Protein backbone atom coordinates (compact mmCIF):
# COMPACT_ATOMS: atom_id res chain seq x y z
CA GLU A 1 148.27 -5.32 52.93
CA ARG A 2 150.90 -7.77 51.68
CA PRO A 3 152.21 -7.02 48.18
CA PHE A 4 154.28 -10.24 48.17
CA TRP A 5 153.57 -13.95 48.08
CA GLY A 6 155.70 -16.24 50.15
CA PRO A 7 156.48 -17.35 53.69
CA ALA A 8 155.46 -14.82 56.34
CA ASP A 9 158.99 -14.38 57.73
CA ARG A 10 160.34 -13.66 54.24
CA ILE A 11 157.55 -11.16 53.64
CA ARG A 12 158.35 -9.37 56.92
CA ALA A 13 162.03 -9.17 55.95
CA ILE A 14 161.18 -7.70 52.55
CA GLY A 15 158.80 -5.23 54.16
CA ALA A 16 161.49 -4.15 56.64
CA ASP A 17 163.82 -3.38 53.74
CA CYS A 18 161.23 -1.05 52.19
CA LYS A 19 161.55 2.24 54.02
CA ARG A 20 158.82 4.87 54.07
CA GLY A 21 158.90 6.90 50.88
CA SER A 22 160.66 4.15 48.90
CA PRO A 23 158.92 2.28 46.08
CA LYS A 24 156.27 -0.24 47.12
CA PHE A 25 158.28 -3.11 45.68
CA PRO A 26 161.99 -3.82 46.21
CA PRO A 27 164.41 -4.18 43.29
CA LEU A 28 164.54 -7.56 41.60
CA ARG A 29 167.52 -9.60 40.41
CA PHE A 30 166.30 -10.08 36.82
CA ASP A 31 165.11 -7.67 34.14
CA LEU A 32 162.56 -8.09 31.39
CA GLY A 33 163.95 -10.38 28.71
CA ASP A 34 166.45 -12.10 31.00
CA ARG A 35 166.85 -15.85 30.53
CA VAL A 36 166.01 -17.80 33.69
CA VAL A 37 165.25 -21.34 34.81
CA CYS A 38 162.23 -21.91 37.05
CA SER A 39 161.51 -24.68 39.51
CA VAL A 40 158.54 -26.57 38.09
CA ASP A 41 157.41 -29.90 39.55
CA ASP A 42 160.88 -30.85 40.86
CA ASP A 43 162.57 -29.89 37.58
CA TRP A 44 164.25 -26.73 36.22
CA VAL A 45 162.62 -25.33 33.08
CA PRO A 46 164.21 -22.51 31.03
CA GLY A 47 162.30 -19.43 30.00
CA GLN A 48 162.32 -15.64 29.73
CA VAL A 49 161.09 -12.96 32.14
CA VAL A 50 158.15 -11.18 30.49
CA ARG A 51 156.75 -9.17 33.44
CA LYS A 52 158.00 -7.90 36.76
CA TRP A 53 155.74 -7.57 39.83
CA TYR A 54 153.06 -9.58 38.07
CA THR A 55 149.52 -9.68 39.42
CA GLU A 56 146.20 -11.31 38.51
CA GLU A 57 142.63 -10.46 39.47
CA GLU A 58 142.48 -13.71 41.45
CA PHE A 59 145.37 -12.62 43.69
CA GLU A 60 144.09 -11.30 47.01
CA ASN A 61 144.57 -7.80 48.40
CA GLY A 62 146.83 -6.44 45.68
CA HIS A 63 149.34 -9.28 45.94
CA ALA A 64 152.03 -9.41 43.31
CA VAL A 65 154.72 -11.93 42.47
CA PRO A 66 158.22 -11.00 41.35
CA TYR A 67 158.08 -12.42 37.82
CA GLN A 68 155.88 -13.79 35.09
CA VAL A 69 157.95 -16.11 32.92
CA LEU A 70 157.30 -17.46 29.44
CA LEU A 71 158.78 -20.95 29.54
CA ASP A 72 160.49 -22.41 26.49
CA THR A 73 157.62 -24.93 26.43
CA GLY A 74 155.27 -22.05 25.56
CA ASP A 75 153.58 -22.00 28.98
CA PHE A 76 153.34 -18.92 31.18
CA ILE A 77 154.07 -19.30 34.89
CA TYR A 78 154.91 -16.95 37.72
CA ALA A 79 157.76 -17.06 40.21
CA PRO A 80 156.34 -16.51 43.71
CA LEU A 81 159.72 -15.57 45.21
CA ASP A 82 162.88 -13.94 43.87
CA ASP A 83 165.36 -16.48 45.20
CA ASP A 84 167.46 -19.35 43.86
CA ASP A 85 165.03 -21.98 45.19
CA CYS A 86 162.41 -20.65 42.77
CA VAL A 87 164.12 -18.90 39.85
CA ARG A 88 167.76 -18.74 38.73
CA ARG A 89 169.73 -17.15 35.91
CA SER A 90 169.89 -19.47 32.88
CA THR A 91 172.80 -20.21 30.60
CA ALA A 92 170.51 -22.05 28.14
CA PRO A 93 170.14 -20.30 24.77
CA PRO A 94 166.66 -19.14 23.74
CA VAL A 95 164.50 -21.51 21.76
CA PRO A 96 164.77 -20.70 18.03
């Protein structure tokens, strides 16, 4: 059972960091409410983390992704990996 989306080698590395008896999911860089920018169609779009270890019924075998993000455009997306190629801390102020 893979609780993470992403490249197989990255998933193995995450799994190796999770020792028996530790939580199923490793700690994440961002907390709920944190401002982030997400890679969307070759652009960086600001938003806010609204869920951690997000899952959907359509995800297979209990998969989860690190974050669900509400973009400043009003769209919800999810970040499949917790790394700077996918999601970064934002310095952009929230949309009023």
